[in-house]
Amino acid sequence: ILQRVNIGDHIAELLYANDGSHLHYALRKVMGGDVCAY
């Protein structure tokens, strides 16, 4: 918490368990609501 990161900095490893393993990638507005990150 409160660590500053730059583009490309390592965040974590996402471990593979099975065909349900995935990253849920979301872009949100601070005041509420989500939009498509693409």
PDB file of all heavy atoms in Angstrom:
ATOM      1  N   ILE A   1       0.837  -1.198   0.000  1.00  0.00           N
ATOM      2  CA  ILE A   1       0.000   0.000   0.000  1.00  0.00           C
ATOM      3  C   ILE A   1       0.878   1.257   0.000  1.00  0.00           C
ATOM      4  O   ILE A   1       1.863   1.353   0.729  1.00  0.00           O
ATOM      5  CB  ILE A   1      -0.933   0.017   1.225  1.00  0.00           C
ATOM      6  CG1 ILE A   1      -1.891  -1.179   1.186  1.00  0.00           C
ATOM      7  CG2 ILE A   1      -1.725   1.322   1.286  1.00  0.00           C
ATOM      8  CD1 ILE A   1      -2.894  -1.139   0.062  1.00  0.00           C
ATOM      9  N   LEU A   2       0.500   2.209  -0.853  1.00  0.00           N
ATOM     10  CA  LEU A   2       1.169   3.502  -1.064  1.00  0.00           C
ATOM     11  C   LEU A   2       2.509   3.381  -1.792  1.00  0.00           C
ATOM     12  O   LEU A   2       3.219   4.375  -1.938  1.00  0.00           O
ATOM     13  CB  LEU A   2       1.355   4.267   0.249  1.00  0.00           C
ATOM     14  CG  LEU A   2       0.060   4.784   0.905  1.00  0.00           C
ATOM     15  CD1 LEU A   2       0.387   5.578   2.167  1.00  0.00           C
ATOM     16  CD2 LEU A   2      -0.761   5.637  -0.050  1.00  0.00           C
ATOM     17  N   GLN A   3       2.820   2.184  -2.271  1.00  0.00           N
ATOM     18  CA  GLN A   3       4.012   2.046  -3.115  1.00  0.00           C
ATOM     19  C   GLN A   3       3.735   2.664  -4.480  1.00  0.00           C
ATOM     20  O   GLN A   3       2.673   2.464  -5.067  1.00  0.00           O
ATOM     21  CB  GLN A   3       4.377   0.573  -3.280  1.00  0.00           C
ATOM     22  CG  GLN A   3       5.591   0.339  -4.174  1.00  0.00           C
ATOM     23  CD  GLN A   3       5.941  -1.129  -4.303  1.00  0.00           C
ATOM     24  OE1 GLN A   3       5.654  -1.929  -3.413  1.00  0.00           O
ATOM     25  NE2 GLN A   3       6.558  -1.499  -5.401  1.00  0.00           N
ATOM     26  N   ARG A   4       4.681   3.418  -4.987  1.00  0.00           N
ATOM     27  CA  ARG A   4       4.533   4.011  -6.314  1.00  0.00           C
ATOM     28  C   ARG A   4       5.105   3.066  -7.358  1.00  0.00           C
ATOM     29  O   ARG A   4       6.164   2.463  -7.138  1.00  0.00           O
ATOM     30  CB  ARG A   4       5.225   5.372  -6.362  1.00  0.00           C
ATOM     31  CG  ARG A   4       4.634   6.349  -5.355  1.00  0.00           C
ATOM     32  CD  ARG A   4       5.310   7.693  -5.362  1.00  0.00           C
ATOM     33  NE  ARG A   4       4.856   8.516  -4.239  1.00  0.00           N
ATOM     34  CZ  ARG A   4       5.227   9.752  -4.022  1.00  0.00           C
ATOM     35  NH1 ARG A   4       6.083  10.339  -4.851  1.00  0.00           N
ATOM     36  NH2 ARG A   4       4.763  10.425  -2.988  1.00  0.00           N
ATOM     37  N   VAL A   5       4.398   2.919  -8.450  1.00  0.00           N
ATOM     38  CA  VAL A   5       4.822   2.015  -9.511  1.00  0.00           C
ATOM     39  C   VAL A   5       4.875   2.755 -10.841  1.00  0.00           C
ATOM     40  O   VAL A   5       4.154   3.727 -11.060  1.00  0.00           O
ATOM     41  CB  VAL A   5       3.879   0.798  -9.616  1.00  0.00           C
ATOM     42  CG1 VAL A   5       3.996  -0.084  -8.386  1.00  0.00           C
ATOM     43  CG2 VAL A   5       2.433   1.224  -9.839  1.00  0.00           C
ATOM     44  N   ASN A   6       5.724   2.251 -11.708  1.00  0.00           N
ATOM     45  CA  ASN A   6       5.830   2.764 -13.069  1.00  0.00           C
ATOM     46  C   ASN A   6       5.338   1.713 -14.045  1.00  0.00           C
ATOM     47  O   ASN A   6       5.189   0.527 -13.694  1.00  0.00           O
ATOM     48  CB  ASN A   6       7.281   3.139 -13.385  1.00  0.00           C
ATOM     49  CG  ASN A   6       7.729   4.374 -12.638  1.00  0.00           C
ATOM     50  OD1 ASN A   6       7.092   5.424 -12.709  1.00  0.00           O
ATOM     51  ND2 ASN A   6       8.825   4.257 -11.894  1.00  0.00           N
ATOM     52  N   ILE A   7       5.097   2.123 -15.261  1.00  0.00           N
ATOM     53  CA  ILE A   7       4.669   1.184 -16.301  1.00  0.00           C
ATOM     54  C   ILE A   7       5.704   0.075 -16.439  1.00  0.00           C
ATOM     55  O   ILE A   7       6.903   0.329 -16.539  1.00  0.00           O
ATOM     56  CB  ILE A   7       4.492   1.919 -17.642  1.00  0.00           C
ATOM     57  CG1 ILE A   7       3.316   2.892 -17.558  1.00  0.00           C
ATOM     58  CG2 ILE A   7       4.277   0.925 -18.786  1.00  0.00           C
ATOM     59  CD1 ILE A   7       3.204   3.836 -18.734  1.00  0.00           C
ATOM     60  N   GLY A   8       5.230  -1.162 -16.392  1.00  0.00           N
ATOM     61  CA  GLY A   8       6.110  -2.319 -16.547  1.00  0.00           C
ATOM     62  C   GLY A   8       6.671  -2.879 -15.257  1.00  0.00           C
ATOM     63  O   GLY A   8       7.303  -3.942 -15.273  1.00  0.00           O
ATOM     64  N   ASP A   9       6.444  -2.198 -14.132  1.00  0.00           N
ATOM     65  CA  ASP A   9       6.932  -2.722 -12.852  1.00  0.00           C
ATOM     66  C   ASP A   9       6.214  -4.027 -12.499  1.00  0.00           C
ATOM     67  O   ASP A   9       5.014  -4.188 -12.738  1.00  0.00           O
ATOM     68  CB  ASP A   9       6.700  -1.709 -11.725  1.00  0.00           C
ATOM     69  CG  ASP A   9       7.722  -0.579 -11.731  1.00  0.00           C
ATOM     70  OD1 ASP A   9       8.647  -0.613 -12.565  1.00  0.00           O
ATOM     71  OD2 ASP A   9       7.581   0.342 -10.904  1.00  0.00           O
ATOM     72  N   HIS A  10       6.967  -4.932 -11.901  1.00  0.00           N
ATOM     73  CA  HIS A  10       6.418  -6.234 -11.518  1.00  0.00           C
ATOM     74  C   HIS A  10       5.441  -6.064 -10.360  1.00  0.00           C
ATOM     75  O   HIS A  10       5.768  -5.465  -9.339  1.00  0.00           O
ATOM     76  CB  HIS A  10       7.552  -7.176 -11.118  1.00  0.00           C
ATOM     77  CG  HIS A  10       7.094  -8.555 -10.761  1.00  0.00           C
ATOM     78  ND1 HIS A  10       6.703  -9.480 -11.700  1.00  0.00           N
ATOM     79  CD2 HIS A  10       6.954  -9.166  -9.553  1.00  0.00           C
ATOM     80  CE1 HIS A  10       6.344 -10.604 -11.103  1.00  0.00           C
ATOM     81  NE2 HIS A  10       6.487 -10.431  -9.790  1.00  0.00           N
ATOM     82  N   ILE A  11       4.241  -6.608 -10.519  1.00  0.00           N
ATOM     83  CA  ILE A  11       3.217  -6.555  -9.478  1.00  0.00           C
ATOM     84  C   ILE A  11       3.121  -7.906  -8.762  1.00  0.00           C
ATOM     85  O   ILE A  11       3.114  -7.972  -7.532  1.00  0.00           O
ATOM     86  CB  ILE A  11       1.836  -6.200 -10.064  1.00  0.00           C
ATOM     87  CG1 ILE A  11       1.879  -4.833 -10.768  1.00  0.00           C
ATOM     88  CG2 ILE A  11       0.760  -6.228  -8.982  1.00  0.00           C
ATOM     89  CD1 ILE A  11       2.168  -3.659  -9.863  1.00  0.00           C
ATOM     90  N   ALA A  12       3.026  -8.977  -9.535  1.00  0.00           N
ATOM     91  CA  ALA A  12       2.831 -10.309  -8.955  1.00  0.00           C
ATOM     92  C   ALA A  12       3.010 -11.371 -10.032  1.00  0.00           C
ATOM     93  O   ALA A  12       3.052 -11.064 -11.230  1.00  0.00           O
ATOM     94  CB  ALA A  12       1.438 -10.425  -8.348  1.00  0.00           C
ATOM     95  N   GLU A  13       3.074 -12.615  -9.588  1.00  0.00           N
ATOM     96  CA  GLU A  13       2.916 -13.761 -10.482  1.00  0.00           C
ATOM     97  C   GLU A  13       1.467 -14.214 -10.363  1.00  0.00           C
ATOM     98  O   GLU A  13       0.926 -14.305  -9.256  1.00  0.00           O
ATOM     99  CB  GLU A  13       3.838 -14.908 -10.075  1.00  0.00           C
ATOM    100  CG  GLU A  13       5.325 -14.599 -10.172  1.00  0.00           C
ATOM    101  CD  GLU A  13       5.776 -14.388 -11.614  1.00  0.00           C
ATOM    102  OE1 GLU A  13       5.420 -15.213 -12.472  1.00  0.00           O
ATOM    103  OE2 GLU A  13       6.473 -13.391 -11.863  1.00  0.00           O
ATOM    104  N   LEU A  14       0.833 -14.460 -11.497  1.00  0.00           N
ATOM    105  CA  LEU A  14      -0.486 -15.081 -11.483  1.00  0.00           C
ATOM    106  C   LEU A  14      -0.264 -16.565 -11.724  1.00  0.00           C
ATOM    107  O   LEU A  14       0.161 -16.967 -12.816  1.00  0.00           O
ATOM    108  CB  LEU A  14      -1.392 -14.479 -12.558  1.00  0.00           C
ATOM    109  CG  LEU A  14      -2.739 -15.183 -12.800  1.00  0.00           C
ATOM    110  CD1 LEU A  14      -3.534 -15.325 -11.503  1.00  0.00           C
ATOM    111  CD2 LEU A  14      -3.554 -14.438 -13.857  1.00  0.00           C
ATOM    112  N   LEU A  15      -0.520 -17.377 -10.709  1.00  0.00           N
ATOM    113  CA  LEU A  15      -0.240 -18.813 -10.788  1.00  0.00           C
ATOM    114  C   LEU A  15      -1.306 -19.528 -11.616  1.00  0.00           C
ATOM    115  O   LEU A  15      -2.488 -19.193 -11.542  1.00  0.00           O
ATOM    116  CB  LEU A  15      -0.170 -19.409  -9.383  1.00  0.00           C
ATOM    117  CG  LEU A  15       0.809 -18.739  -8.410  1.00  0.00           C
ATOM    118  CD1 LEU A  15       0.818 -19.476  -7.076  1.00  0.00           C
ATOM    119  CD2 LEU A  15       2.217 -18.691  -9.003  1.00  0.00           C
ATOM    120  N   TYR A  16      -0.845 -20.519 -12.361  1.00  0.00           N
ATOM    121  CA  TYR A  16      -1.772 -21.300 -13.180  1.00  0.00           C
ATOM    122  C   TYR A  16      -2.234 -22.529 -12.402  1.00  0.00           C
ATOM    123  O   TYR A  16      -1.417 -23.301 -11.903  1.00  0.00           O
ATOM    124  CB  TYR A  16      -1.094 -21.741 -14.483  1.00  0.00           C
ATOM    125  CG  TYR A  16      -1.978 -22.616 -15.330  1.00  0.00           C
ATOM    126  CD1 TYR A  16      -3.019 -22.066 -16.066  1.00  0.00           C
ATOM    127  CD2 TYR A  16      -1.787 -24.001 -15.381  1.00  0.00           C
ATOM    128  CE1 TYR A  16      -3.855 -22.860 -16.838  1.00  0.00           C
ATOM    129  CE2 TYR A  16      -2.614 -24.809 -16.148  1.00  0.00           C
ATOM    130  CZ  TYR A  16      -3.651 -24.233 -16.870  1.00  0.00           C
ATOM    131  OH  TYR A  16      -4.469 -25.026 -17.615  1.00  0.00           O
ATOM    132  N   ALA A  17      -3.537 -22.688 -12.298  1.00  0.00           N
ATOM    133  CA  ALA A  17      -4.107 -23.856 -11.631  1.00  0.00           C
ATOM    134  C   ALA A  17      -4.834 -24.764 -12.616  1.00  0.00           C
ATOM    135  O   ALA A  17      -4.670 -25.988 -12.604  1.00  0.00           O
ATOM    136  CB  ALA A  17      -5.066 -23.421 -10.522  1.00  0.00           C
ATOM    137  N   ASN A  18      -5.635 -24.144 -13.480  1.00  0.00           N
ATOM    138  CA  ASN A  18      -6.465 -24.901 -14.422  1.00  0.00           C
ATOM    139  C   ASN A  18      -7.000 -23.935 -15.480  1.00  0.00           C
ATOM    140  O   ASN A  18      -6.576 -22.774 -15.525  1.00  0.00           O
ATOM    141  CB  ASN A  18      -7.613 -25.604 -13.681  1.00  0.00           C
ATOM    142  CG  ASN A  18      -8.339 -24.662 -12.735  1.00  0.00           C
ATOM    143  OD1 ASN A  18      -8.809 -23.594 -13.143  1.00  0.00           O
ATOM    144  ND2 ASN A  18      -8.428 -25.035 -11.454  1.00  0.00           N
ATOM    145  N   ASP A  19      -7.917 -24.402 -16.307  1.00  0.00           N
ATOM    146  CA  ASP A  19      -8.392 -23.554 -17.408  1.00  0.00           C
ATOM    147  C   ASP A  19      -9.280 -22.397 -16.948  1.00  0.00           C
ATOM    148  O   ASP A  19      -9.777 -21.621 -17.760  1.00  0.00           O
ATOM    149  CB  ASP A  19      -9.095 -24.385 -18.490  1.00  0.00           C
ATOM    150  CG  ASP A  19     -10.292 -25.160 -17.955  1.00  0.00           C
ATOM    151  OD1 ASP A  19     -10.707 -24.919 -16.795  1.00  0.00           O
ATOM    152  OD2 ASP A  19     -10.828 -26.014 -18.697  1.00  0.00           O
ATOM    153  N   GLY A  20      -9.463 -22.267 -15.626  1.00  0.00           N
ATOM    154  CA  GLY A  20     -10.193 -21.118 -15.099  1.00  0.00           C
ATOM    155  C   GLY A  20      -9.290 -20.001 -14.599  1.00  0.00           C
ATOM    156  O   GLY A  20      -9.777 -18.944 -14.177  1.00  0.00           O
ATOM    157  N   SER A  21      -7.978 -20.215 -14.678  1.00  0.00           N
ATOM    158  CA  SER A  21      -7.031 -19.207 -14.175  1.00  0.00           C
ATOM    159  C   SER A  21      -7.018 -17.990 -15.092  1.00  0.00           C
ATOM    160  O   SER A  21      -6.812 -18.123 -16.306  1.00  0.00           O
ATOM    161  CB  SER A  21      -5.621 -19.800 -14.100  1.00  0.00           C
ATOM    162  OG  SER A  21      -5.601 -20.965 -13.293  1.00  0.00           O
ATOM    163  N   HIS A  22      -7.204 -16.803 -14.517  1.00  0.00           N
ATOM    164  CA  HIS A  22      -7.237 -15.607 -15.362  1.00  0.00           C
ATOM    165  C   HIS A  22      -6.979 -14.342 -14.563  1.00  0.00           C
ATOM    166  O   HIS A  22      -7.077 -14.320 -13.329  1.00  0.00           O
ATOM    167  CB  HIS A  22      -8.576 -15.496 -16.091  1.00  0.00           C
ATOM    168  CG  HIS A  22      -9.751 -15.218 -15.201  1.00  0.00           C
ATOM    169  ND1 HIS A  22     -10.400 -16.196 -14.476  1.00  0.00           N
ATOM    170  CD2 HIS A  22     -10.407 -14.054 -14.912  1.00  0.00           C
ATOM    171  CE1 HIS A  22     -11.403 -15.661 -13.798  1.00  0.00           C
ATOM    172  NE2 HIS A  22     -11.425 -14.348 -14.030  1.00  0.00           N
ATOM    173  N   LEU A  23      -6.653 -13.286 -15.293  1.00  0.00           N
ATOM    174  CA  LEU A  23      -6.573 -11.929 -14.741  1.00  0.00           C
ATOM    175  C   LEU A  23      -7.847 -11.193 -15.126  1.00  0.00           C
ATOM    176  O   LEU A  23      -8.187 -11.103 -16.304  1.00  0.00           O
ATOM    177  CB  LEU A  23      -5.361 -11.181 -15.299  1.00  0.00           C
ATOM    178  CG  LEU A  23      -5.284  -9.688 -14.910  1.00  0.00           C
ATOM    179  CD1 LEU A  23      -4.970  -9.531 -13.420  1.00  0.00           C
ATOM    180  CD2 LEU A  23      -4.248  -8.959 -15.759  1.00  0.00           C
ATOM    181  N   HIS A  24      -8.540 -10.669 -14.130  1.00  0.00           N
ATOM    182  CA  HIS A  24      -9.700  -9.803 -14.375  1.00  0.00           C
ATOM    183  C   HIS A  24      -9.172  -8.370 -14.361  1.00  0.00           C
ATOM    184  O   HIS A  24      -8.715  -7.875 -13.336  1.00  0.00           O
ATOM    185  CB  HIS A  24     -10.754 -10.013 -13.283  1.00  0.00           C
ATOM    186  CG  HIS A  24     -11.966  -9.160 -13.454  1.00  0.00           C
ATOM    187  ND1 HIS A  24     -12.981  -9.456 -14.346  1.00  0.00           N
ATOM    188  CD2 HIS A  24     -12.343  -8.002 -12.831  1.00  0.00           C
ATOM    189  CE1 HIS A  24     -13.925  -8.533 -14.266  1.00  0.00           C
ATOM    190  NE2 HIS A  24     -13.555  -7.630 -13.362  1.00  0.00           N
ATOM    191  N   TYR A  25      -9.222  -7.733 -15.514  1.00  0.00           N
ATOM    192  CA  TYR A  25      -8.568  -6.437 -15.737  1.00  0.00           C
ATOM    193  C   TYR A  25      -9.633  -5.361 -15.870  1.00  0.00           C
ATOM    194  O   TYR A  25     -10.433  -5.387 -16.810  1.00  0.00           O
ATOM    195  CB  TYR A  25      -7.719  -6.549 -17.002  1.00  0.00           C
ATOM    196  CG  TYR A  25      -6.943  -5.332 -17.409  1.00  0.00           C
ATOM    197  CD1 TYR A  25      -6.302  -4.520 -16.486  1.00  0.00           C
ATOM    198  CD2 TYR A  25      -6.807  -5.018 -18.768  1.00  0.00           C
ATOM    199  CE1 TYR A  25      -5.565  -3.424 -16.888  1.00  0.00           C
ATOM    200  CE2 TYR A  25      -6.061  -3.928 -19.187  1.00  0.00           C
ATOM    201  CZ  TYR A  25      -5.449  -3.132 -18.235  1.00  0.00           C
ATOM    202  OH  TYR A  25      -4.705  -2.042 -18.640  1.00  0.00           O
ATOM    203  N   ALA A  26      -9.654  -4.420 -14.920  1.00  0.00           N
ATOM    204  CA  ALA A  26     -10.738  -3.427 -14.895  1.00  0.00           C
ATOM    205  C   ALA A  26     -10.204  -2.008 -14.765  1.00  0.00           C
ATOM    206  O   ALA A  26      -9.222  -1.763 -14.067  1.00  0.00           O
ATOM    207  CB  ALA A  26     -11.689  -3.721 -13.739  1.00  0.00           C
ATOM    208  N   LEU A  27     -10.863  -1.091 -15.432  1.00  0.00           N
ATOM    209  CA  LEU A  27     -10.575   0.333 -15.327  1.00  0.00           C
ATOM    210  C   LEU A  27     -11.784   1.009 -14.703  1.00  0.00           C
ATOM    211  O   LEU A  27     -12.915   0.838 -15.184  1.00  0.00           O
ATOM    212  CB  LEU A  27     -10.286   0.932 -16.706  1.00  0.00           C
ATOM    213  CG  LEU A  27     -10.039   2.443 -16.755  1.00  0.00           C
ATOM    214  CD1 LEU A  27      -8.802   2.831 -15.949  1.00  0.00           C
ATOM    215  CD2 LEU A  27      -9.871   2.908 -18.217  1.00  0.00           C
ATOM    216  N   ARG A  28     -11.547   1.758 -13.630  1.00  0.00           N
ATOM    217  CA  ARG A  28     -12.655   2.355 -12.890  1.00  0.00           C
ATOM    218  C   ARG A  28     -12.457   3.858 -12.710  1.00  0.00           C
ATOM    219  O   ARG A  28     -11.330   4.343 -12.662  1.00  0.00           O
ATOM    220  CB  ARG A  28     -12.790   1.696 -11.511  1.00  0.00           C
ATOM    221  CG  ARG A  28     -12.919   0.184 -11.580  1.00  0.00           C
ATOM    222  CD  ARG A  28     -13.301  -0.411 -10.240  1.00  0.00           C
ATOM    223  NE  ARG A  28     -13.239  -1.859 -10.264  1.00  0.00           N
ATOM    224  CZ  ARG A  28     -14.161  -2.643 -10.817  1.00  0.00           C
ATOM    225  NH1 ARG A  28     -15.224  -2.098 -11.397  1.00  0.00           N
ATOM    226  NH2 ARG A  28     -14.037  -3.954 -10.796  1.00  0.00           N
ATOM    227  N   LYS A  29     -13.585   4.548 -12.594  1.00  0.00           N
ATOM    228  CA  LYS A  29     -13.567   5.968 -12.243  1.00  0.00           C
ATOM    229  C   LYS A  29     -13.586   6.084 -10.723  1.00  0.00           C
ATOM    230  O   LYS A  29     -14.315   5.344 -10.051  1.00  0.00           O
ATOM    231  CB  LYS A  29     -14.775   6.682 -12.849  1.00  0.00           C
ATOM    232  CG  LYS A  29     -14.772   6.683 -14.376  1.00  0.00           C
ATOM    233  CD  LYS A  29     -15.993   7.385 -14.932  1.00  0.00           C
ATOM    234  CE  LYS A  29     -15.980   7.386 -16.459  1.00  0.00           C
ATOM    235  NZ  LYS A  29     -17.160   8.063 -17.032  1.00  0.00           N
ATOM    236  N   VAL A  30     -12.787   6.985 -10.193  1.00  0.00           N
ATOM    237  CA  VAL A  30     -12.695   7.147  -8.744  1.00  0.00           C
ATOM    238  C   VAL A  30     -14.052   7.474  -8.136  1.00  0.00           C
ATOM    239  O   VAL A  30     -14.403   6.997  -7.051  1.00  0.00           O
ATOM    240  CB  VAL A  30     -11.658   8.231  -8.379  1.00  0.00           C
ATOM    241  CG1 VAL A  30     -11.717   8.577  -6.895  1.00  0.00           C
ATOM    242  CG2 VAL A  30     -10.246   7.763  -8.758  1.00  0.00           C
ATOM    243  N   MET A  31     -14.857   8.258  -8.833  1.00  0.00           N
ATOM    244  CA  MET A  31     -16.167   8.662  -8.318  1.00  0.00           C
ATOM    245  C   MET A  31     -17.245   7.612  -8.562  1.00  0.00           C
ATOM    246  O   MET A  31     -18.405   7.816  -8.234  1.00  0.00           O
ATOM    247  CB  MET A  31     -16.582  10.000  -8.933  1.00  0.00           C
ATOM    248  CG  MET A  31     -15.655  11.159  -8.607  1.00  0.00           C
ATOM    249  SD  MET A  31     -15.429  11.412  -6.831  1.00  0.00           S
ATOM    250  CE  MET A  31     -17.058  12.010  -6.385  1.00  0.00           C
ATOM    251  N   GLY A  32     -16.848   6.479  -9.137  1.00  0.00           N
ATOM    252  CA  GLY A  32     -17.804   5.399  -9.345  1.00  0.00           C
ATOM    253  C   GLY A  32     -18.001   5.060 -10.804  1.00  0.00           C
ATOM    254  O   GLY A  32     -17.975   5.939 -11.665  1.00  0.00           O
ATOM    255  N   GLY A  33     -18.217   3.785 -11.080  1.00  0.00           N
ATOM    256  CA  GLY A  33     -18.446   3.338 -12.451  1.00  0.00           C
ATOM    257  C   GLY A  33     -17.211   2.714 -13.069  1.00  0.00           C
ATOM    258  O   GLY A  33     -16.081   3.007 -12.670  1.00  0.00           O
ATOM    259  N   ASP A  34     -17.419   1.836 -14.024  1.00  0.00           N
ATOM    260  CA  ASP A  34     -16.326   1.170 -14.724  1.00  0.00           C
ATOM    261  C   ASP A  34     -16.473   1.384 -16.219  1.00  0.00           C
ATOM    262  O   ASP A  34     -17.566   1.659 -16.719  1.00  0.00           O
ATOM    263  CB  ASP A  34     -16.314  -0.330 -14.403  1.00  0.00           C
ATOM    264  CG  ASP A  34     -17.681  -0.982 -14.622  1.00  0.00           C
ATOM    265  OD1 ASP A  34     -18.034  -1.272 -15.778  1.00  0.00           O
ATOM    266  OD2 ASP A  34     -18.403  -1.191 -13.627  1.00  0.00           O
ATOM    267  N   VAL A  35     -15.377   1.265 -16.933  1.00  0.00           N
ATOM    268  CA  VAL A  35     -15.362   1.400 -18.390  1.00  0.00           C
ATOM    269  C   VAL A  35     -14.471   0.302 -18.952  1.00  0.00           C
ATOM    270  O   VAL A  35     -13.748  -0.373 -18.214  1.00  0.00           O
ATOM    271  CB  VAL A  35     -14.854   2.791 -18.841  1.00  0.00           C
ATOM    272  CG1 VAL A  35     -15.797   3.888 -18.393  1.00  0.00           C
ATOM    273  CG2 VAL A  35     -13.458   3.051 -18.305  1.00  0.00           C
ATOM    274  N   CYS A  36     -14.505   0.134 -20.244  1.00  0.00           N
ATOM    275  CA  CYS A  36     -13.708  -0.909 -20.895  1.00  0.00           C
ATOM    276  C   CYS A  36     -12.255  -0.457 -21.023  1.00  0.00           C
ATOM    277  O   CYS A  36     -11.966   0.555 -21.673  1.00  0.00           O
ATOM    278  CB  CYS A  36     -14.287  -1.222 -22.268  1.00  0.00           C
ATOM    279  SG  CYS A  36     -13.417  -2.567 -23.114  1.00  0.00           S
ATOM    280  N   ALA A  37     -11.342  -1.211 -20.418  1.00  0.00           N
ATOM    281  CA  ALA A  37      -9.918  -0.850 -20.419  1.00  0.00           C
ATOM    282  C   ALA A  37      -9.331  -0.806 -21.834  1.00  0.00           C
ATOM    283  O   ALA A  37      -8.421  -0.010 -22.103  1.00  0.00           O
ATOM    284  CB  ALA A  37      -9.133  -1.839 -19.558  1.00  0.00           C
ATOM    285  N   TYR A  38      -9.855  -1.621 -22.728  1.00  0.00           N
ATOM    286  CA  TYR A  38      -9.330  -1.652 -24.102  1.00  0.00           C
ATOM    287  C   TYR A  38      -9.436  -0.286 -24.768  1.00  0.00           C
ATOM    288  O   TYR A  38      -8.525   0.145 -25.481  1.00  0.00           O
ATOM    289  CB  TYR A  38     -10.088  -2.702 -24.921  1.00  0.00           C
ATOM    290  CG  TYR A  38      -9.706  -2.759 -26.376  1.00  0.00           C
ATOM    291  CD1 TYR A  38      -8.594  -3.485 -26.796  1.00  0.00           C
ATOM    292  CD2 TYR A  38     -10.456  -2.097 -27.347  1.00  0.00           C
ATOM    293  CE1 TYR A  38      -8.238  -3.555 -28.135  1.00  0.00           C
ATOM    294  CE2 TYR A  38     -10.117  -2.150 -28.685  1.00  0.00           C
ATOM    295  CZ  TYR A  38      -9.004  -2.880 -29.080  1.00  0.00           C
ATOM    296  OH  TYR A  38      -8.660  -2.929 -30.414  1.00  0.00           O
TER     297      TYR A  38
END
